[in-house]
């Protein structure tokens, strides 16, 4: 393993092409007051993987890619599953109900056809 720094953070924005904004949280004890301090810092990282907002990622130091980007997304630790909008969920439920109704109708038609065939064979 090389000596490049690696940081773990959360993707806050992926609106740029092949660049994401990663927020890295750091907790440490204040040297004088001994209080726990939480610090957040934002890094721009080059993203070839295709991360989404909320993903936990590991970023690694690299040679400068552009004026503001000198980090690269190494791997995704945890994928964030985002909930769709309520309208999209309702539409999906309606489509599922329609498909279920169509399948039930097909099953009923097949059963009726079998009954008719049995009656014709018996007659």
N, C-alpha and C. Protein backbone atom coordinates (compact mmCIF):
# COMPACT_ATOMS: atom_id res chain seq x y z
N UNK A 1 0.85 -1.18 0.00
CA UNK A 1 0.00 0.00 0.00
C UNK A 1 0.89 1.23 0.00
N UNK A 2 0.47 2.23 -0.75
CA UNK A 2 1.28 3.44 -0.83
C UNK A 2 1.01 4.37 0.34
N UNK A 3 1.75 5.48 0.40
CA UNK A 3 1.68 6.38 1.54
C UNK A 3 0.69 7.54 1.33
N UNK A 4 -0.15 7.42 0.34
CA UNK A 4 -1.12 8.49 0.09
C UNK A 4 -2.16 8.52 1.20
N UNK A 5 -2.60 9.74 1.54
CA UNK A 5 -3.63 9.87 2.57
C UNK A 5 -4.96 9.36 2.03
N UNK A 6 -5.69 8.70 2.89
CA UNK A 6 -7.03 8.23 2.55
C UNK A 6 -8.01 8.78 3.59
N UNK A 7 -9.12 9.30 3.12
CA UNK A 7 -10.15 9.84 4.00
C UNK A 7 -11.48 9.18 3.67
N UNK A 8 -12.31 9.02 4.70
CA UNK A 8 -13.63 8.46 4.52
C UNK A 8 -14.66 9.56 4.74
N UNK A 9 -15.59 9.67 3.80
CA UNK A 9 -16.59 10.72 3.92
C UNK A 9 -17.86 10.36 3.18
N UNK A 10 -18.78 11.31 3.17
CA UNK A 10 -20.09 11.14 2.56
C UNK A 10 -20.21 12.06 1.35
N UNK A 11 -20.75 11.53 0.25
CA UNK A 11 -20.94 12.33 -0.96
C UNK A 11 -22.11 13.29 -0.72
N UNK A 12 -21.84 14.58 -0.89
CA UNK A 12 -22.88 15.59 -0.69
C UNK A 12 -23.45 16.12 -2.00
N UNK A 13 -22.67 16.04 -3.09
CA UNK A 13 -23.16 16.53 -4.37
C UNK A 13 -22.47 15.76 -5.49
N UNK A 14 -23.24 15.45 -6.54
CA UNK A 14 -22.66 14.81 -7.71
C UNK A 14 -23.15 15.49 -8.99
N UNK A 15 -23.37 16.78 -8.94
CA UNK A 15 -23.94 17.50 -10.06
C UNK A 15 -22.92 17.80 -11.15
N UNK A 16 -21.63 17.70 -10.85
CA UNK A 16 -20.60 17.98 -11.84
C UNK A 16 -20.27 16.71 -12.63
N UNK A 17 -19.65 16.88 -13.78
CA UNK A 17 -19.23 15.73 -14.58
C UNK A 17 -17.97 15.12 -13.98
N UNK A 18 -18.06 13.87 -13.56
CA UNK A 18 -16.93 13.11 -13.03
C UNK A 18 -16.27 13.76 -11.81
N UNK A 19 -17.00 14.59 -11.09
CA UNK A 19 -16.49 15.20 -9.85
C UNK A 19 -17.60 15.17 -8.81
N UNK A 20 -17.24 14.78 -7.59
CA UNK A 20 -18.20 14.78 -6.49
C UNK A 20 -17.64 15.63 -5.35
N UNK A 21 -18.55 16.12 -4.52
CA UNK A 21 -18.15 16.84 -3.31
C UNK A 21 -18.34 15.88 -2.15
N UNK A 22 -17.25 15.64 -1.41
CA UNK A 22 -17.25 14.69 -0.30
C UNK A 22 -17.03 15.46 1.00
N UNK A 23 -17.91 15.21 1.97
CA UNK A 23 -17.79 15.85 3.29
C UNK A 23 -17.17 14.85 4.26
N UNK A 24 -16.04 15.24 4.85
CA UNK A 24 -15.31 14.38 5.77
C UNK A 24 -15.47 14.94 7.18
N UNK A 25 -15.97 14.11 8.09
CA UNK A 25 -16.17 14.53 9.49
C UNK A 25 -14.98 14.03 10.32
N UNK A 26 -14.54 14.88 11.23
CA UNK A 26 -13.40 14.54 12.07
C UNK A 26 -13.74 14.91 13.52
N UNK A 27 -13.47 14.01 14.44
CA UNK A 27 -13.70 14.29 15.86
C UNK A 27 -12.36 14.20 16.59
N UNK A 28 -12.10 15.16 17.44
CA UNK A 28 -10.86 15.15 18.21
C UNK A 28 -11.07 15.92 19.50
N UNK A 29 -10.17 15.71 20.43
CA UNK A 29 -10.25 16.40 21.72
C UNK A 29 -9.42 17.68 21.65
N UNK A 30 -10.01 18.77 22.09
CA UNK A 30 -9.31 20.05 22.07
C UNK A 30 -8.09 19.97 22.99
N UNK A 31 -6.93 20.43 22.51
CA UNK A 31 -5.71 20.25 23.31
C UNK A 31 -5.71 20.99 24.65
N UNK A 32 -6.38 22.14 24.72
CA UNK A 32 -6.36 22.92 25.96
C UNK A 32 -7.59 22.67 26.82
N UNK A 33 -8.77 22.69 26.21
CA UNK A 33 -10.01 22.59 26.97
C UNK A 33 -10.52 21.17 27.12
N UNK A 34 -9.96 20.21 26.41
CA UNK A 34 -10.31 18.79 26.51
C UNK A 34 -11.77 18.51 26.19
N UNK A 35 -12.34 19.35 25.39
CA UNK A 35 -13.71 19.13 24.94
C UNK A 35 -13.67 18.43 23.58
N UNK A 36 -14.63 17.55 23.33
CA UNK A 36 -14.67 16.87 22.04
C UNK A 36 -15.18 17.84 20.99
N UNK A 37 -14.40 18.00 19.93
CA UNK A 37 -14.73 18.93 18.86
C UNK A 37 -15.02 18.14 17.60
N UNK A 38 -16.11 18.51 16.91
CA UNK A 38 -16.45 17.88 15.63
C UNK A 38 -16.17 18.88 14.53
N UNK A 39 -15.43 18.42 13.54
CA UNK A 39 -15.02 19.30 12.46
C UNK A 39 -15.42 18.68 11.13
N UNK A 40 -15.94 19.49 10.22
CA UNK A 40 -16.32 19.01 8.89
C UNK A 40 -15.48 19.75 7.86
N UNK A 41 -15.02 19.01 6.86
CA UNK A 41 -14.28 19.62 5.77
C UNK A 41 -14.77 19.03 4.47
N UNK A 42 -14.81 19.84 3.43
CA UNK A 42 -15.35 19.43 2.14
C UNK A 42 -14.21 19.32 1.13
N UNK A 43 -14.21 18.21 0.39
CA UNK A 43 -13.21 17.98 -0.64
C UNK A 43 -13.91 17.72 -1.96
N UNK A 44 -13.30 18.19 -3.06
CA UNK A 44 -13.77 17.83 -4.40
C UNK A 44 -12.92 16.67 -4.86
N UNK A 45 -13.59 15.60 -5.32
CA UNK A 45 -12.86 14.40 -5.72
C UNK A 45 -13.29 13.96 -7.12
N UNK A 46 -12.33 13.48 -7.89
CA UNK A 46 -12.60 12.94 -9.22
C UNK A 46 -13.31 11.60 -9.06
N UNK A 47 -14.39 11.40 -9.83
CA UNK A 47 -15.22 10.21 -9.65
C UNK A 47 -15.41 9.48 -10.97
N UNK A 48 -14.72 8.35 -11.13
CA UNK A 48 -14.92 7.50 -12.31
C UNK A 48 -15.95 6.43 -12.03
N UNK A 49 -16.25 6.18 -10.76
CA UNK A 49 -17.13 5.08 -10.36
C UNK A 49 -18.59 5.43 -10.62
N UNK A 50 -18.98 6.68 -10.35
CA UNK A 50 -20.37 7.08 -10.50
C UNK A 50 -21.11 7.04 -9.17
N UNK A 51 -20.64 7.78 -8.20
CA UNK A 51 -21.25 7.80 -6.86
C UNK A 51 -22.53 8.62 -6.86
N UNK A 52 -23.39 8.32 -5.90
CA UNK A 52 -24.63 9.06 -5.72
C UNK A 52 -24.60 9.77 -4.38
N UNK A 53 -25.51 10.70 -4.21
CA UNK A 53 -25.58 11.47 -2.97
C UNK A 53 -25.87 10.53 -1.81
N UNK A 54 -25.12 10.69 -0.71
CA UNK A 54 -25.33 9.88 0.48
C UNK A 54 -24.42 8.67 0.58
N UNK A 55 -23.73 8.32 -0.49
CA UNK A 55 -22.82 7.18 -0.45
C UNK A 55 -21.63 7.47 0.46
N UNK A 56 -21.19 6.45 1.20
CA UNK A 56 -19.96 6.58 1.98
C UNK A 56 -18.82 6.11 1.09
N UNK A 57 -17.79 6.96 0.92
CA UNK A 57 -16.70 6.66 0.01
C UNK A 57 -15.35 6.88 0.68
N UNK A 58 -14.34 6.25 0.09
CA UNK A 58 -12.95 6.48 0.49
C UNK A 58 -12.31 7.27 -0.63
N UNK A 59 -11.72 8.44 -0.26
CA UNK A 59 -11.02 9.24 -1.25
C UNK A 59 -9.54 9.18 -0.95
N UNK A 60 -8.73 9.26 -2.00
CA UNK A 60 -7.29 9.15 -1.86
C UNK A 60 -6.62 10.33 -2.55
N UNK A 61 -5.52 10.79 -1.97
CA UNK A 61 -4.77 11.90 -2.50
C UNK A 61 -4.22 11.56 -3.88
N UNK A 62 -4.15 12.55 -4.77
CA UNK A 62 -3.58 12.30 -6.09
C UNK A 62 -2.89 13.58 -6.57
N UNK A 63 -2.27 13.48 -7.72
CA UNK A 63 -1.72 14.68 -8.35
C UNK A 63 -2.89 15.57 -8.76
N UNK A 64 -2.69 16.87 -8.79
CA UNK A 64 -3.80 17.77 -9.14
C UNK A 64 -4.40 17.44 -10.50
N UNK A 65 -5.71 17.27 -10.50
CA UNK A 65 -6.44 16.97 -11.73
C UNK A 65 -6.94 18.25 -12.37
N UNK A 66 -7.34 19.20 -11.52
CA UNK A 66 -7.74 20.52 -12.00
C UNK A 66 -7.36 21.52 -10.90
N UNK A 67 -7.84 22.74 -11.03
CA UNK A 67 -7.49 23.77 -10.05
C UNK A 67 -7.95 23.41 -8.64
N UNK A 68 -9.13 22.81 -8.53
CA UNK A 68 -9.69 22.53 -7.21
C UNK A 68 -9.74 21.04 -6.86
N UNK A 69 -9.42 20.17 -7.80
CA UNK A 69 -9.57 18.73 -7.57
C UNK A 69 -8.19 18.07 -7.47
N UNK A 70 -7.90 17.51 -6.30
CA UNK A 70 -6.66 16.75 -6.14
C UNK A 70 -6.89 15.49 -5.30
N UNK A 71 -8.12 15.00 -5.34
CA UNK A 71 -8.49 13.75 -4.67
C UNK A 71 -9.23 12.88 -5.67
N UNK A 72 -9.19 11.56 -5.47
CA UNK A 72 -9.88 10.62 -6.36
C UNK A 72 -10.69 9.66 -5.49
N UNK A 73 -11.91 9.34 -5.93
CA UNK A 73 -12.72 8.36 -5.21
C UNK A 73 -12.11 6.99 -5.46
N UNK A 74 -11.68 6.32 -4.38
CA UNK A 74 -11.05 5.01 -4.50
C UNK A 74 -12.09 3.89 -4.52
N UNK A 75 -13.02 3.92 -3.56
CA UNK A 75 -14.05 2.89 -3.52
C UNK A 75 -15.26 3.39 -2.75
N UNK A 76 -16.38 2.72 -2.99
CA UNK A 76 -17.62 3.03 -2.29
C UNK A 76 -17.77 2.02 -1.16
N UNK A 77 -17.87 2.52 0.07
CA UNK A 77 -18.01 1.64 1.23
C UNK A 77 -19.45 1.21 1.44
N UNK A 78 -20.37 2.18 1.30
CA UNK A 78 -21.79 1.89 1.55
C UNK A 78 -22.63 2.71 0.57
N UNK A 79 -23.54 2.03 -0.10
CA UNK A 79 -24.40 2.70 -1.07
C UNK A 79 -25.65 3.18 -0.35
N UNK A 80 -25.99 4.43 -0.56
CA UNK A 80 -27.19 5.01 0.03
C UNK A 80 -28.38 4.69 -0.86
N UNK A 81 -29.42 4.12 -0.28
CA UNK A 81 -30.64 3.83 -1.02
C UNK A 81 -31.60 4.98 -0.77
N UNK A 82 -31.85 5.75 -1.81
CA UNK A 82 -32.71 6.92 -1.66
C UNK A 82 -34.13 6.56 -2.01
N UNK A 83 -35.06 7.09 -1.23
CA UNK A 83 -36.48 6.81 -1.46
C UNK A 83 -36.99 7.69 -2.59
N UNK A 84 -37.74 7.11 -3.47
CA UNK A 84 -38.30 7.86 -4.59
C UNK A 84 -39.39 8.82 -4.07
N UNK A 85 -39.80 9.74 -4.93
CA UNK A 85 -40.86 10.65 -4.56
C UNK A 85 -42.17 9.88 -4.38
N UNK A 86 -43.09 10.44 -3.65
CA UNK A 86 -44.36 9.77 -3.35
C UNK A 86 -45.14 9.50 -4.63
N UNK A 87 -45.09 10.44 -5.60
CA UNK A 87 -45.83 10.26 -6.85
C UNK A 87 -45.31 9.05 -7.60
N UNK A 88 -43.99 8.89 -7.65
CA UNK A 88 -43.40 7.77 -8.37
C UNK A 88 -43.78 6.44 -7.71
N UNK A 89 -43.81 6.42 -6.39
CA UNK A 89 -44.19 5.20 -5.67
C UNK A 89 -45.66 4.86 -5.94
N UNK A 90 -46.52 5.88 -5.92
CA UNK A 90 -47.94 5.65 -6.19
C UNK A 90 -48.15 5.12 -7.61
N UNK A 91 -47.42 5.68 -8.58
CA UNK A 91 -47.53 5.20 -9.96
C UNK A 91 -47.09 3.74 -10.06
N UNK A 92 -46.02 3.38 -9.37
CA UNK A 92 -45.53 2.01 -9.40
C UNK A 92 -46.55 1.06 -8.79
N UNK A 93 -47.21 1.47 -7.72
CA UNK A 93 -48.23 0.63 -7.09
C UNK A 93 -49.40 0.42 -8.03
N UNK A 94 -49.83 1.49 -8.71
CA UNK A 94 -50.95 1.38 -9.65
C UNK A 94 -50.59 0.43 -10.79
N UNK A 95 -49.37 0.56 -11.34
CA UNK A 95 -48.96 -0.34 -12.42
C UNK A 95 -48.90 -1.79 -11.94
N UNK A 96 -48.42 -2.01 -10.73
CA UNK A 96 -48.36 -3.37 -10.19
C UNK A 96 -49.75 -3.96 -10.02
N UNK A 97 -50.70 -3.15 -9.55
CA UNK A 97 -52.08 -3.62 -9.40
C UNK A 97 -52.68 -3.96 -10.76
N UNK A 98 -52.40 -3.13 -11.79
CA UNK A 98 -52.92 -3.41 -13.13
C UNK A 98 -52.36 -4.72 -13.67
N UNK A 99 -51.05 -4.92 -13.49
CA UNK A 99 -50.43 -6.17 -13.95
C UNK A 99 -51.01 -7.37 -13.22
N UNK A 100 -51.21 -7.23 -11.91
CA UNK A 100 -51.79 -8.33 -11.13
C UNK A 100 -53.20 -8.64 -11.62
N UNK A 101 -53.99 -7.60 -11.91
CA UNK A 101 -55.35 -7.80 -12.40
C UNK A 101 -55.33 -8.52 -13.75
N UNK A 102 -54.41 -8.13 -14.64
CA UNK A 102 -54.31 -8.78 -15.95
C UNK A 102 -53.94 -10.25 -15.79
N UNK A 103 -53.00 -10.56 -14.90
CA UNK A 103 -52.60 -11.94 -14.67
C UNK A 103 -53.76 -12.76 -14.11
N UNK A 104 -54.54 -12.16 -13.21
CA UNK A 104 -55.69 -12.86 -12.64
C UNK A 104 -56.72 -13.15 -13.73
N UNK A 105 -56.93 -12.18 -14.61
CA UNK A 105 -57.88 -12.40 -15.71
C UNK A 105 -57.41 -13.53 -16.62
N UNK A 106 -56.10 -13.55 -16.91
CA UNK A 106 -55.57 -14.63 -17.76
C UNK A 106 -55.77 -15.98 -17.08
N UNK A 107 -55.54 -16.05 -15.76
CA UNK A 107 -55.72 -17.31 -15.03
C UNK A 107 -57.18 -17.76 -15.08
N UNK A 108 -58.10 -16.81 -14.90
CA UNK A 108 -59.53 -17.14 -14.93
C UNK A 108 -59.92 -17.64 -16.32
N UNK A 109 -59.43 -16.99 -17.37
CA UNK A 109 -59.75 -17.41 -18.74
C UNK A 109 -59.22 -18.82 -19.00
N UNK A 110 -58.02 -19.13 -18.53
CA UNK A 110 -57.46 -20.47 -18.70
C UNK A 110 -58.31 -21.51 -17.97
N UNK A 111 -58.78 -21.20 -16.75
CA UNK A 111 -59.60 -22.14 -15.98
C UNK A 111 -60.93 -22.38 -16.70
N UNK A 112 -61.54 -21.32 -17.23
CA UNK A 112 -62.81 -21.47 -17.95
C UNK A 112 -62.60 -22.34 -19.19
N UNK A 113 -61.48 -22.12 -19.91
CA UNK A 113 -61.20 -22.92 -21.11
C UNK A 113 -61.04 -24.39 -20.74
N UNK A 114 -60.39 -24.68 -19.63
CA UNK A 114 -60.22 -26.07 -19.18
C UNK A 114 -61.57 -26.71 -18.84
N UNK A 115 -62.43 -25.95 -18.16
CA UNK A 115 -63.75 -26.46 -17.79
C UNK A 115 -64.56 -26.75 -19.05
N UNK A 116 -64.52 -25.84 -20.02
CA UNK A 116 -65.27 -26.03 -21.26
C UNK A 116 -64.77 -27.26 -22.00
N UNK A 117 -63.44 -27.45 -22.06
CA UNK A 117 -62.88 -28.62 -22.72
C UNK A 117 -63.31 -29.92 -22.01
N UNK A 118 -63.33 -29.91 -20.66
CA UNK A 118 -63.76 -31.10 -19.91
C UNK A 118 -65.22 -31.41 -20.20
N UNK A 119 -66.08 -30.38 -20.27
CA UNK A 119 -67.50 -30.60 -20.53
C UNK A 119 -67.73 -31.12 -21.95
N UNK A 120 -66.95 -30.62 -22.92
CA UNK A 120 -67.08 -31.07 -24.30
C UNK A 120 -66.62 -32.52 -24.40
N UNK A 121 -65.57 -32.85 -23.68
CA UNK A 121 -65.06 -34.22 -23.71
C UNK A 121 -66.03 -35.20 -23.04
N UNK A 122 -66.74 -34.75 -22.01
CA UNK A 122 -67.69 -35.61 -21.30
C UNK A 122 -68.97 -35.78 -22.10
N UNK A 123 -69.32 -34.81 -22.92
CA UNK A 123 -70.59 -34.86 -23.67
C UNK A 123 -70.52 -35.67 -24.92
